[in-house]
Amino acid sequence: MDITQGHSEQYRPLRGYLTLMAAFGTLSGRGLVAADRAGRLPERFSASDLGLAAVATYKLSRLISRDRITSGFRAPFTTFQDDSGHGEVEEAARGRGLRRAVGELLVCPDCVGLWVASGFMAGLVARPRAARTVAATLVIHAVSDALQTADEKIRQA
């Protein structure tokens, strides 16, 4: 018996969503337990680390979910819809089941953002210097993008 039957008239890969949630929870939980057992969990994180990780998460989430160059990574799970400017594309999830659920995750910057944020937090716990370096690179890229967009708008005015 399918307990999700009747949830929606529209197809939604609920079992795929549950699989992704279980994978995320398992990976996150095991990582936290391992870090705790190794004595690596800090009492607190600095505001600068959180700010750095937040902006880096924003940028990496956009790169994963919208960037034209990362389309090859998403292609098994998505269908190209249209160019959306500034090196980004619009794509839609395709397929059924887990394939569709992964596609929906990969085209949603907000959705993939939690996975990226967790990766940065894991990095800050396990390898803080490396995580800060990667995050700083993405922050520089995000600021550069903002400046490029501002410059373009000024020139068009």
Protein backbone atom coordinates (compact mmCIF):
# COMPACT_ATOMS: atom_id res chain seq x y z
CA MET A 1 0.00 0.00 0.00
CA ASP A 2 1.30 3.44 -0.98
CA ILE A 3 0.72 5.75 1.98
CA THR A 4 1.53 8.79 -0.20
CA GLN A 5 -1.28 8.00 -2.66
CA GLY A 6 -3.78 10.84 -2.84
CA HIS A 7 -1.25 13.42 -1.65
CA SER A 8 -1.37 15.37 -4.91
CA GLU A 9 -2.97 15.28 -8.35
CA GLN A 10 0.42 16.24 -9.76
CA TYR A 11 3.27 13.73 -9.82
CA ARG A 12 5.73 14.35 -7.01
CA PRO A 13 8.63 11.98 -6.28
CA LEU A 14 7.87 11.65 -2.57
CA ARG A 15 9.88 8.46 -2.14
CA GLY A 16 12.82 10.17 -3.85
CA TYR A 17 12.47 13.10 -1.47
CA LEU A 18 12.45 10.71 1.48
CA THR A 19 15.57 8.99 0.13
CA LEU A 20 17.39 12.32 -0.17
CA MET A 21 16.30 13.35 3.31
CA ALA A 22 17.50 10.04 4.73
CA ALA A 23 20.85 10.38 2.93
CA PHE A 24 21.30 13.95 4.18
CA GLY A 25 20.34 13.03 7.74
CA THR A 26 22.57 9.97 7.77
CA LEU A 27 25.60 11.80 6.37
CA SER A 28 25.10 14.80 8.64
CA GLY A 29 24.46 12.69 11.71
CA ARG A 30 27.44 10.42 11.16
CA GLY A 31 29.66 13.42 10.49
CA LEU A 32 28.57 15.12 13.70
CA VAL A 33 29.07 11.98 15.77
CA ALA A 34 32.51 11.36 14.25
CA ALA A 35 33.57 14.98 14.81
CA ASP A 36 32.30 14.89 18.39
CA ARG A 37 34.10 11.62 19.16
CA ALA A 38 37.29 13.08 17.72
CA GLY A 39 36.90 16.17 19.92
CA ARG A 40 36.69 18.41 16.83
CA LEU A 41 33.38 20.18 17.46
CA PRO A 42 34.03 23.76 18.56
CA GLU A 43 32.09 25.35 21.39
CA ARG A 44 31.04 28.11 18.98
CA PHE A 45 31.78 29.49 15.54
CA SER A 46 33.04 33.01 14.96
CA ALA A 47 30.79 35.52 13.25
CA SER A 48 33.43 35.93 10.53
CA ASP A 49 33.42 32.17 9.79
CA LEU A 50 29.62 32.14 9.65
CA GLY A 51 29.53 35.18 7.36
CA LEU A 52 32.21 33.73 5.11
CA ALA A 53 30.37 30.38 4.92
CA ALA A 54 27.02 32.10 4.31
CA VAL A 55 28.19 34.11 1.30
CA ALA A 56 30.19 31.14 -0.01
CA THR A 57 27.12 28.91 0.36
CA TYR A 58 25.06 31.41 -1.61
CA LYS A 59 27.62 31.50 -4.42
CA LEU A 60 28.36 27.77 -4.60
CA SER A 61 24.64 26.97 -4.51
CA ARG A 62 24.09 29.24 -7.52
CA LEU A 63 27.05 27.72 -9.33
CA ILE A 64 25.75 24.19 -8.74
CA SER A 65 22.12 24.91 -9.56
CA ARG A 66 22.18 27.60 -12.24
CA ASP A 67 25.61 28.04 -13.85
CA ARG A 68 25.90 27.26 -17.56
CA ILE A 69 29.24 25.48 -17.09
CA THR A 70 27.88 23.11 -14.44
CA SER A 71 25.03 22.02 -16.74
CA GLY A 72 26.90 18.81 -17.52
CA PHE A 73 26.76 17.87 -13.85
CA ARG A 74 22.98 18.43 -13.76
CA ALA A 75 22.22 17.03 -17.23
CA PRO A 76 21.40 13.43 -16.17
CA PHE A 77 18.67 14.84 -13.93
CA THR A 78 17.45 17.95 -15.80
CA THR A 79 16.24 19.32 -19.12
CA PHE A 80 17.51 22.64 -20.45
CA GLN A 81 14.74 25.27 -20.67
CA ASP A 82 16.42 28.58 -21.56
CA ASP A 83 19.34 30.90 -20.96
CA SER A 84 18.67 33.31 -18.12
CA GLY A 85 21.58 35.74 -18.42
CA HIS A 86 24.87 36.28 -16.61
CA GLY A 87 26.08 32.76 -17.45
CA GLU A 88 23.05 31.11 -15.88
CA VAL A 89 20.42 28.79 -17.32
CA GLU A 90 16.92 27.65 -16.48
CA GLU A 91 16.48 23.90 -16.25
CA ALA A 92 13.69 21.61 -15.12
CA ALA A 93 13.93 18.28 -13.33
CA ARG A 94 13.22 15.22 -15.47
CA GLY A 95 12.45 11.58 -15.00
CA ARG A 96 10.63 9.91 -12.15
CA GLY A 97 11.44 8.76 -8.65
CA LEU A 98 14.89 9.46 -7.24
CA ARG A 99 16.15 10.83 -10.55
CA ARG A 100 13.47 13.52 -10.52
CA ALA A 101 14.00 14.28 -6.83
CA VAL A 102 17.73 14.79 -7.45
CA GLY A 103 16.89 16.99 -10.43
CA GLU A 104 14.58 19.11 -8.32
CA LEU A 105 17.31 19.44 -5.70
CA LEU A 106 19.95 20.41 -8.26
CA VAL A 107 17.92 23.18 -9.95
CA CYS A 108 16.94 24.88 -6.70
CA PRO A 109 19.65 27.14 -5.20
CA ASP A 110 17.78 27.32 -1.91
CA CYS A 111 17.32 23.53 -1.73
CA VAL A 112 20.93 22.65 -2.56
CA GLY A 113 22.04 25.43 -0.21
CA LEU A 114 21.48 23.29 2.89
CA TRP A 115 23.74 20.58 1.48
CA VAL A 116 26.40 23.16 0.60
CA ALA A 117 26.13 24.85 4.01
CA SER A 118 26.56 21.49 5.71
CA GLY A 119 29.64 20.85 3.59
CA PHE A 120 31.14 24.16 4.65
CA MET A 121 30.37 23.46 8.30
CA ALA A 122 31.99 20.03 8.00
CA GLY A 123 34.99 21.72 6.44
CA LEU A 124 35.19 24.31 9.21
CA VAL A 125 35.17 21.49 11.76
CA ALA A 126 37.53 19.06 10.01
CA ARG A 127 39.82 21.32 7.97
CA PRO A 128 39.15 24.95 8.89
CA ARG A 129 42.05 26.48 6.95
CA ALA A 130 41.10 24.70 3.74
CA ALA A 131 37.39 25.47 4.22
CA ARG A 132 38.12 29.16 4.80
CA THR A 133 40.28 29.27 1.69
CA VAL A 134 37.58 27.72 -0.50
CA ALA A 135 34.91 29.91 1.09
CA ALA A 136 37.01 33.07 0.64
CA THR A 137 37.48 32.25 -3.05
CA LEU A 138 33.72 31.94 -3.50
CA VAL A 139 33.11 35.18 -1.58
CA ILE A 140 35.55 37.00 -3.84
CA HIS A 141 33.71 35.56 -6.84
CA ALA A 142 30.32 36.62 -5.42
CA VAL A 143 31.54 40.18 -4.86
CA SER A 144 33.03 40.24 -8.36
CA ASP A 145 29.69 39.09 -9.80
CA ALA A 146 27.87 41.85 -7.92
CA LEU A 147 30.33 44.44 -9.22
CA GLN A 148 29.99 43.12 -12.80
CA THR A 149 26.20 43.31 -12.55
CA ALA A 150 26.32 46.84 -11.09
CA ASP A 151 28.73 47.97 -13.81
CA GLU A 152 26.47 46.53 -16.50
CA LYS A 153 23.40 48.31 -15.06
CA ILE A 154 25.27 51.63 -14.84
CA ARG A 155 26.40 51.33 -18.47
CA GLN A 156 22.85 50.55 -19.62
CA ALA A 157 21.37 53.56 -17.80
